[in-house]
Amino acid sequence: MLLNESKLLDLAERVVNRYVNKGIVPLREKEDTQMFIVEKFLLKQGRIQENYSGKANINTYCISVLNNMCCEVIRKELKHWKNELDEVPEKNDYNIHSTSQQAIIKDEINYLDKIFQLFDWEKTKVNLALCYYYQLDIHPKDLLEYTGNSNFKVPELNLEGKINKSEILNNLAIFVGTVEKKEYKPDAVRMWLTKSINTIVDRLNSPFNRANYDKESFRVLYELYNAQRN
């Protein structure tokens, strides 16, 4: 067994607390989320142990696994949590948490929007690429602004079932190349997109270490941001 039960609970709490502190996981959902990822970890511990190469610290490896599981819960429950926050709460002790949660999420979304403005002419291109990379709804307005043609159709951007990252990057390369009348390789698109994401994450966390976003927590925030744009 990779971890004893006490250590596993401790690491799971640390992982979930990160998202609670950022206002992504509602406080009321903290314990349920924590127990869900602990149970999932225990169910899959055989495979998790097999995949452990021994190169990374055992705690670091398990935190990474638990973080991925937590992000799965967040992506699954995000809309449900957001809908609950949008409802008018009853007058009880939860009002304070609900109002605080809404304010935090709103502030982070607004801050992210300001960051996107800094991309200037590339803003729409970055949004399109992120939506397709994360398999989110693409805004017709973005397509029009980027392509300059309301009738512009790119079959490679149709969201038809789940596809792997290699296919996504290949399709993005075809799409960008078609629009910009250039030839792009998937690896070049991957490097550009990675650089864009890293830039956004760095700006979210600065100045003065205002936050502690990583790529996974940024993805969750971006899904909220994109849903609001809809």
C-alpha atoms as a PDB file:
ATOM      1  CA  MET A   1       0.000   0.000   0.000  1.00  0.00           C
ATOM      2  CA  LEU A   2       1.397   3.392  -1.031  1.00  0.00           C
ATOM      3  CA  LEU A   3      -0.050   5.344   1.903  1.00  0.00           C
ATOM      4  CA  ASN A   4      -1.668   4.516   5.204  1.00  0.00           C
ATOM      5  CA  GLU A   5      -5.243   5.709   5.692  1.00  0.00           C
ATOM      6  CA  SER A   6      -4.277   8.641   7.927  1.00  0.00           C
ATOM      7  CA  LYS A   7      -1.724   9.986   5.423  1.00  0.00           C
ATOM      8  CA  LEU A   8      -4.124   9.539   2.513  1.00  0.00           C
ATOM      9  CA  LEU A   9      -6.829  11.537   4.318  1.00  0.00           C
ATOM     10  CA  ASP A  10      -4.289  14.254   5.119  1.00  0.00           C
ATOM     11  CA  LEU A  11      -3.115  14.577   1.494  1.00  0.00           C
ATOM     12  CA  ALA A  12      -6.684  14.529   0.185  1.00  0.00           C
ATOM     13  CA  GLU A  13      -7.630  17.345   2.559  1.00  0.00           C
ATOM     14  CA  ARG A  14      -4.623  19.406   1.406  1.00  0.00           C
ATOM     15  CA  VAL A  15      -5.611  18.952  -2.247  1.00  0.00           C
ATOM     16  CA  VAL A  16      -9.275  19.860  -1.721  1.00  0.00           C
ATOM     17  CA  ASN A  17      -8.397  22.815   0.525  1.00  0.00           C
ATOM     18  CA  ARG A  18      -6.495  24.427  -2.359  1.00  0.00           C
ATOM     19  CA  TYR A  19      -9.669  24.566  -4.432  1.00  0.00           C
ATOM     20  CA  VAL A  20     -11.833  25.576  -1.474  1.00  0.00           C
ATOM     21  CA  ASN A  21      -9.489  28.493  -0.719  1.00  0.00           C
ATOM     22  CA  LYS A  22      -9.678  29.611  -4.347  1.00  0.00           C
ATOM     23  CA  GLY A  23     -13.477  29.532  -4.211  1.00  0.00           C
ATOM     24  CA  ILE A  24     -13.754  26.760  -6.804  1.00  0.00           C
ATOM     25  CA  VAL A  25     -15.053  24.009  -4.513  1.00  0.00           C
ATOM     26  CA  PRO A  26     -17.878  25.316  -2.277  1.00  0.00           C
ATOM     27  CA  LEU A  27     -17.114  25.018   1.427  1.00  0.00           C
ATOM     28  CA  ARG A  28     -20.211  22.889   1.932  1.00  0.00           C
ATOM     29  CA  GLU A  29     -18.845  20.360  -0.595  1.00  0.00           C
ATOM     30  CA  LYS A  30     -15.392  20.079   0.972  1.00  0.00           C
ATOM     31  CA  GLU A  31     -15.905  16.878   2.995  1.00  0.00           C
ATOM     32  CA  ASP A  32     -17.893  15.097   0.277  1.00  0.00           C
ATOM     33  CA  THR A  33     -15.250  15.940  -2.324  1.00  0.00           C
ATOM     34  CA  GLN A  34     -12.473  14.831  -0.007  1.00  0.00           C
ATOM     35  CA  MET A  35     -14.131  11.486   0.778  1.00  0.00           C
ATOM     36  CA  PHE A  36     -14.978  10.889  -2.886  1.00  0.00           C
ATOM     37  CA  ILE A  37     -11.362  11.188  -4.015  1.00  0.00           C
ATOM     38  CA  VAL A  38     -10.149   9.068  -1.075  1.00  0.00           C
ATOM     39  CA  GLU A  39     -12.607   6.302  -2.004  1.00  0.00           C
ATOM     40  CA  LYS A  40     -11.623   6.528  -5.680  1.00  0.00           C
ATOM     41  CA  PHE A  41      -7.930   6.385  -4.744  1.00  0.00           C
ATOM     42  CA  LEU A  42      -8.502   3.249  -2.635  1.00  0.00           C
ATOM     43  CA  LEU A  43     -10.496   1.582  -5.427  1.00  0.00           C
ATOM     44  CA  LYS A  44      -7.698   2.212  -7.917  1.00  0.00           C
ATOM     45  CA  GLN A  45      -4.721   1.873  -5.589  1.00  0.00           C
ATOM     46  CA  GLY A  46      -3.514  -1.287  -7.347  1.00  0.00           C
ATOM     47  CA  ARG A  47      -3.154   0.474 -10.691  1.00  0.00           C
ATOM     48  CA  ILE A  48      -1.859   3.644  -9.009  1.00  0.00           C
ATOM     49  CA  GLN A  49       0.893   1.633  -7.309  1.00  0.00           C
ATOM     50  CA  GLU A  50       1.783  -0.135 -10.575  1.00  0.00           C
ATOM     51  CA  ASN A  51       2.193   3.231 -12.323  1.00  0.00           C
ATOM     52  CA  TYR A  52       4.509   4.596  -9.625  1.00  0.00           C
ATOM     53  CA  SER A  53       7.999   4.614 -11.113  1.00  0.00           C
ATOM     54  CA  GLY A  54       9.762   5.557  -7.890  1.00  0.00           C
ATOM     55  CA  LYS A  55      11.395   8.605  -9.463  1.00  0.00           C
ATOM     56  CA  ALA A  56       9.163  11.150  -7.722  1.00  0.00           C
ATOM     57  CA  ASN A  57       8.619  11.512  -3.996  1.00  0.00           C
ATOM     58  CA  ILE A  58       5.740   9.235  -2.951  1.00  0.00           C
ATOM     59  CA  ASN A  59       3.768  12.147  -1.448  1.00  0.00           C
ATOM     60  CA  THR A  60       4.270  14.260  -4.575  1.00  0.00           C
ATOM     61  CA  TYR A  61       3.093  11.403  -6.780  1.00  0.00           C
ATOM     62  CA  CYS A  62      -0.024  10.745  -4.672  1.00  0.00           C
ATOM     63  CA  ILE A  63      -0.868  14.452  -4.468  1.00  0.00           C
ATOM     64  CA  SER A  64      -0.718  14.586  -8.270  1.00  0.00           C
ATOM     65  CA  VAL A  65      -3.068  11.598  -8.540  1.00  0.00           C
ATOM     66  CA  LEU A  66      -5.475  13.048  -5.960  1.00  0.00           C
ATOM     67  CA  ASN A  67      -5.361  16.438  -7.688  1.00  0.00           C
ATOM     68  CA  ASN A  68      -6.394  14.859 -11.007  1.00  0.00           C
ATOM     69  CA  MET A  69      -9.251  13.057  -9.250  1.00  0.00           C
ATOM     70  CA  CYS A  70     -10.338  16.289  -7.587  1.00  0.00           C
ATOM     71  CA  CYS A  71     -10.346  18.082 -10.954  1.00  0.00           C
ATOM     72  CA  GLU A  72     -12.572  15.324 -12.353  1.00  0.00           C
ATOM     73  CA  VAL A  73     -15.072  15.985  -9.550  1.00  0.00           C
ATOM     74  CA  ILE A  74     -14.906  19.731 -10.152  1.00  0.00           C
ATOM     75  CA  ARG A  75     -15.493  19.398 -13.902  1.00  0.00           C
ATOM     76  CA  LYS A  76     -18.412  17.054 -13.279  1.00  0.00           C
ATOM     77  CA  GLU A  77     -20.066  19.144 -10.556  1.00  0.00           C
ATOM     78  CA  LEU A  78     -19.090  22.672 -11.657  1.00  0.00           C
ATOM     79  CA  LYS A  79     -22.346  23.596 -13.381  1.00  0.00           C
ATOM     80  CA  HIS A  80     -24.388  22.103 -10.542  1.00  0.00           C
ATOM     81  CA  TRP A  81     -22.423  24.082  -7.947  1.00  0.00           C
ATOM     82  CA  LYS A  82     -22.669  27.263 -10.006  1.00  0.00           C
ATOM     83  CA  ASN A  83     -26.455  26.853 -10.400  1.00  0.00           C
ATOM     84  CA  GLU A  84     -26.809  26.470  -6.648  1.00  0.00           C
ATOM     85  CA  LEU A  85     -24.772  29.625  -6.080  1.00  0.00           C
ATOM     86  CA  ASP A  86     -26.973  31.508  -8.541  1.00  0.00           C
ATOM     87  CA  GLU A  87     -30.120  30.583  -6.608  1.00  0.00           C
ATOM     88  CA  VAL A  88     -31.322  32.905  -3.850  1.00  0.00           C
ATOM     89  CA  PRO A  89     -30.285  31.202  -0.594  1.00  0.00           C
ATOM     90  CA  GLU A  90     -32.542  30.813   2.396  1.00  0.00           C
ATOM     91  CA  LYS A  91     -31.793  32.894   5.458  1.00  0.00           C
ATOM     92  CA  ASN A  92     -29.432  30.685   7.409  1.00  0.00           C
ATOM     93  CA  ASP A  93     -25.746  30.413   8.284  1.00  0.00           C
ATOM     94  CA  TYR A  94     -24.859  29.403   4.733  1.00  0.00           C
ATOM     95  CA  ASN A  95     -25.703  32.844   3.351  1.00  0.00           C
ATOM     96  CA  ILE A  96     -22.294  34.186   4.319  1.00  0.00           C
ATOM     97  CA  HIS A  97     -20.448  31.366   2.567  1.00  0.00           C
ATOM     98  CA  SER A  98     -22.652  31.577  -0.527  1.00  0.00           C
ATOM     99  CA  THR A  99     -22.203  35.321  -0.919  1.00  0.00           C
ATOM    100  CA  SER A 100     -18.474  35.060  -0.286  1.00  0.00           C
ATOM    101  CA  GLN A 101     -18.159  32.203  -2.784  1.00  0.00           C
ATOM    102  CA  GLN A 102     -19.955  34.150  -5.498  1.00  0.00           C
ATOM    103  CA  ALA A 103     -17.822  37.221  -4.893  1.00  0.00           C
ATOM    104  CA  ILE A 104     -14.563  35.253  -5.093  1.00  0.00           C
ATOM    105  CA  ILE A 105     -15.552  33.496  -8.322  1.00  0.00           C
ATOM    106  CA  LYS A 106     -16.752  36.743  -9.875  1.00  0.00           C
ATOM    107  CA  ASP A 107     -13.511  38.535  -8.952  1.00  0.00           C
ATOM    108  CA  GLU A 108     -11.365  35.763 -10.425  1.00  0.00           C
ATOM    109  CA  ILE A 109     -13.398  35.685 -13.648  1.00  0.00           C
ATOM    110  CA  ASN A 110     -13.112  39.466 -13.985  1.00  0.00           C
ATOM    111  CA  TYR A 111      -9.366  39.288 -13.351  1.00  0.00           C
ATOM    112  CA  LEU A 112      -9.025  36.583 -16.006  1.00  0.00           C
ATOM    113  CA  ASP A 113     -10.938  38.732 -18.479  1.00  0.00           C
ATOM    114  CA  LYS A 114      -8.481  41.595 -17.899  1.00  0.00           C
ATOM    115  CA  ILE A 115      -5.621  39.208 -18.575  1.00  0.00           C
ATOM    116  CA  PHE A 116      -7.177  38.214 -21.887  1.00  0.00           C
ATOM    117  CA  GLN A 117      -7.385  41.866 -22.899  1.00  0.00           C
ATOM    118  CA  LEU A 118      -3.574  41.976 -22.696  1.00  0.00           C
ATOM    119  CA  PHE A 119      -3.370  39.500 -25.580  1.00  0.00           C
ATOM    120  CA  ASP A 120      -4.722  42.271 -27.825  1.00  0.00           C
ATOM    121  CA  TRP A 121      -5.266  40.952 -31.374  1.00  0.00           C
ATOM    122  CA  GLU A 122      -4.463  37.354 -30.302  1.00  0.00           C
ATOM    123  CA  LYS A 123      -7.204  37.310 -27.655  1.00  0.00           C
ATOM    124  CA  THR A 124      -9.836  35.688 -29.887  1.00  0.00           C
ATOM    125  CA  LYS A 125      -7.373  33.162 -31.287  1.00  0.00           C
ATOM    126  CA  VAL A 126      -6.346  32.128 -27.751  1.00  0.00           C
ATOM    127  CA  ASN A 127      -9.983  31.775 -26.681  1.00  0.00           C
ATOM    128  CA  LEU A 128     -10.815  29.624 -29.708  1.00  0.00           C
ATOM    129  CA  ALA A 129      -7.801  27.402 -29.126  1.00  0.00           C
ATOM    130  CA  LEU A 130      -8.558  26.980 -25.410  1.00  0.00           C
ATOM    131  CA  CYS A 131     -12.221  26.162 -26.052  1.00  0.00           C
ATOM    132  CA  TYR A 132     -11.300  23.500 -28.571  1.00  0.00           C
ATOM    133  CA  TYR A 133      -8.393  22.137 -26.518  1.00  0.00           C
ATOM    134  CA  TYR A 134     -10.626  21.802 -23.436  1.00  0.00           C
ATOM    135  CA  GLN A 135     -13.577  20.634 -25.588  1.00  0.00           C
ATOM    136  CA  LEU A 136     -15.880  23.496 -24.570  1.00  0.00           C
ATOM    137  CA  ASP A 137     -18.570  25.272 -26.572  1.00  0.00           C
ATOM    138  CA  ILE A 138     -17.040  27.557 -29.190  1.00  0.00           C
ATOM    139  CA  HIS A 139     -18.529  31.026 -29.530  1.00  0.00           C
ATOM    140  CA  PRO A 140     -19.806  31.846 -33.053  1.00  0.00           C
ATOM    141  CA  LYS A 141     -18.777  35.437 -32.333  1.00  0.00           C
ATOM    142  CA  ASP A 142     -15.162  34.326 -31.839  1.00  0.00           C
ATOM    143  CA  LEU A 143     -15.189  32.363 -35.087  1.00  0.00           C
ATOM    144  CA  LEU A 144     -16.533  35.386 -36.952  1.00  0.00           C
ATOM    145  CA  GLU A 145     -13.999  37.752 -35.395  1.00  0.00           C
ATOM    146  CA  TYR A 146     -11.049  35.444 -36.072  1.00  0.00           C
ATOM    147  CA  THR A 147     -12.005  34.285 -39.572  1.00  0.00           C
ATOM    148  CA  GLY A 148     -13.734  37.499 -40.722  1.00  0.00           C
ATOM    149  CA  ASN A 149     -16.411  35.444 -42.468  1.00  0.00           C
ATOM    150  CA  SER A 150     -19.729  34.436 -40.918  1.00  0.00           C
ATOM    151  CA  ASN A 151     -19.975  31.537 -43.421  1.00  0.00           C
ATOM    152  CA  PHE A 152     -16.526  30.188 -42.606  1.00  0.00           C
ATOM    153  CA  LYS A 153     -16.808  26.488 -41.830  1.00  0.00           C
ATOM    154  CA  VAL A 154     -14.002  24.339 -40.525  1.00  0.00           C
ATOM    155  CA  PRO A 155     -15.045  20.689 -40.113  1.00  0.00           C
ATOM    156  CA  GLU A 156     -11.973  19.986 -38.000  1.00  0.00           C
ATOM    157  CA  LEU A 157     -13.412  22.149 -35.219  1.00  0.00           C
ATOM    158  CA  ASN A 158     -16.682  20.237 -34.949  1.00  0.00           C
ATOM    159  CA  LEU A 159     -17.022  18.658 -31.520  1.00  0.00           C
ATOM    160  CA  GLU A 160     -18.116  15.131 -32.324  1.00  0.00           C
ATOM    161  CA  GLY A 161     -17.307  12.852 -29.432  1.00  0.00           C
ATOM    162  CA  LYS A 162     -14.127  12.599 -27.413  1.00  0.00           C
ATOM    163  CA  ILE A 163     -10.805  12.862 -29.230  1.00  0.00           C
ATOM    164  CA  ASN A 164      -7.261  12.612 -27.935  1.00  0.00           C
ATOM    165  CA  LYS A 165      -4.828  15.495 -27.498  1.00  0.00           C
ATOM    166  CA  SER A 166      -2.838  14.551 -30.586  1.00  0.00           C
ATOM    167  CA  GLU A 167      -5.969  14.804 -32.755  1.00  0.00           C
ATOM    168  CA  ILE A 168      -6.968  18.068 -31.094  1.00  0.00           C
ATOM    169  CA  LEU A 169      -3.599  19.678 -31.822  1.00  0.00           C
ATOM    170  CA  ASN A 170      -3.598  18.357 -35.376  1.00  0.00           C
ATOM    171  CA  ASN A 171      -7.073  19.818 -35.975  1.00  0.00           C
ATOM    172  CA  LEU A 172      -6.061  23.143 -34.454  1.00  0.00           C
ATOM    173  CA  ALA A 173      -3.018  23.285 -36.719  1.00  0.00           C
ATOM    174  CA  ILE A 174      -5.234  22.704 -39.779  1.00  0.00           C
ATOM    175  CA  PHE A 175      -7.745  25.299 -38.588  1.00  0.00           C
ATOM    176  CA  VAL A 176      -5.200  28.036 -37.804  1.00  0.00           C
ATOM    177  CA  GLY A 177      -3.333  27.327 -41.021  1.00  0.00           C
ATOM    178  CA  THR A 178      -6.536  27.537 -43.060  1.00  0.00           C
ATOM    179  CA  VAL A 179      -7.534  30.866 -41.527  1.00  0.00           C
ATOM    180  CA  GLU A 180      -4.083  32.450 -41.622  1.00  0.00           C
ATOM    181  CA  LYS A 181      -3.140  30.863 -44.977  1.00  0.00           C
ATOM    182  CA  LYS A 182       0.023  29.365 -43.528  1.00  0.00           C
ATOM    183  CA  GLU A 183       1.244  25.868 -42.777  1.00  0.00           C
ATOM    184  CA  TYR A 184       1.419  24.998 -39.088  1.00  0.00           C
ATOM    185  CA  LYS A 185       2.644  21.770 -37.557  1.00  0.00           C
ATOM    186  CA  PRO A 186       0.805  20.384 -34.509  1.00  0.00           C
ATOM    187  CA  ASP A 187       3.960  20.686 -32.419  1.00  0.00           C
ATOM    188  CA  ALA A 188       4.214  24.408 -33.201  1.00  0.00           C
ATOM    189  CA  VAL A 189       0.578  24.894 -32.131  1.00  0.00           C
ATOM    190  CA  ARG A 190       1.235  22.893 -28.953  1.00  0.00           C
ATOM    191  CA  MET A 191       4.215  25.104 -28.060  1.00  0.00           C
ATOM    192  CA  TRP A 192       2.239  28.296 -28.752  1.00  0.00           C
ATOM    193  CA  LEU A 193      -0.751  27.106 -26.715  1.00  0.00           C
ATOM    194  CA  THR A 194       1.451  25.932 -23.825  1.00  0.00           C
ATOM    195  CA  LYS A 195       3.212  29.300 -23.800  1.00  0.00           C
ATOM    196  CA  SER A 196      -0.160  31.112 -23.793  1.00  0.00           C
ATOM    197  CA  ILE A 197      -1.471  29.007 -20.889  1.00  0.00           C
ATOM    198  CA  ASN A 198       1.746  29.510 -18.907  1.00  0.00           C
ATOM    199  CA  THR A 199       1.526  33.262 -19.494  1.00  0.00           C
ATOM    200  CA  ILE A 200      -2.071  33.363 -18.254  1.00  0.00           C
ATOM    201  CA  VAL A 201      -1.284  31.232 -15.178  1.00  0.00           C
ATOM    202  CA  ASP A 202       1.721  33.445 -14.326  1.00  0.00           C
ATOM    203  CA  ARG A 203      -0.423  36.581 -14.597  1.00  0.00           C
ATOM    204  CA  LEU A 204      -3.176  35.011 -12.482  1.00  0.00           C
ATOM    205  CA  ASN A 205      -0.665  34.287  -9.733  1.00  0.00           C
ATOM    206  CA  SER A 206       1.068  37.664  -9.794  1.00  0.00           C
ATOM    207  CA  PRO A 207       1.659  40.280  -8.617  1.00  0.00           C
ATOM    208  CA  PHE A 208       2.967  39.392  -5.161  1.00  0.00           C
ATOM    209  CA  ASN A 209       1.813  35.746  -5.350  1.00  0.00           C
ATOM    210  CA  ARG A 210      -1.874  36.718  -5.184  1.00  0.00           C
ATOM    211  CA  ALA A 211      -2.930  33.156  -6.005  1.00  0.00           C
ATOM    212  CA  ASN A 212      -1.551  29.681  -6.592  1.00  0.00           C
ATOM    213  CA  TYR A 213      -3.044  28.544  -9.894  1.00  0.00           C
ATOM    214  CA  ASP A 214      -1.657  25.656 -11.904  1.00  0.00           C
ATOM    215  CA  LYS A 215      -2.805  24.345 -15.288  1.00  0.00           C
ATOM    216  CA  GLU A 216      -5.579  22.208 -13.806  1.00  0.00           C
ATOM    217  CA  SER A 217      -7.090  24.909 -11.591  1.00  0.00           C
ATOM    218  CA  PHE A 218      -6.774  27.404 -14.470  1.00  0.00           C
ATOM    219  CA  ARG A 219      -8.764  25.015 -16.644  1.00  0.00           C
ATOM    220  CA  VAL A 220     -11.585  24.999 -14.083  1.00  0.00           C
ATOM    221  CA  LEU A 221     -11.575  28.808 -13.896  1.00  0.00           C
ATOM    222  CA  TYR A 222     -11.554  29.051 -17.687  1.00  0.00           C
ATOM    223  CA  GLU A 223     -14.619  26.784 -17.916  1.00  0.00           C
ATOM    224  CA  LEU A 224     -16.442  29.194 -15.575  1.00  0.00           C
ATOM    225  CA  TYR A 225     -15.201  32.165 -17.611  1.00  0.00           C
ATOM    226  CA  ASN A 226     -16.300  30.609 -20.879  1.00  0.00           C
ATOM    227  CA  ALA A 227     -19.721  29.691 -19.486  1.00  0.00           C
ATOM    228  CA  GLN A 228     -20.226  33.317 -18.410  1.00  0.00           C
ATOM    229  CA  ARG A 229     -19.259  34.524 -21.888  1.00  0.00           C
ATOM    230  CA  ASN A 230     -22.052  32.298 -23.242  1.00  0.00           C
END
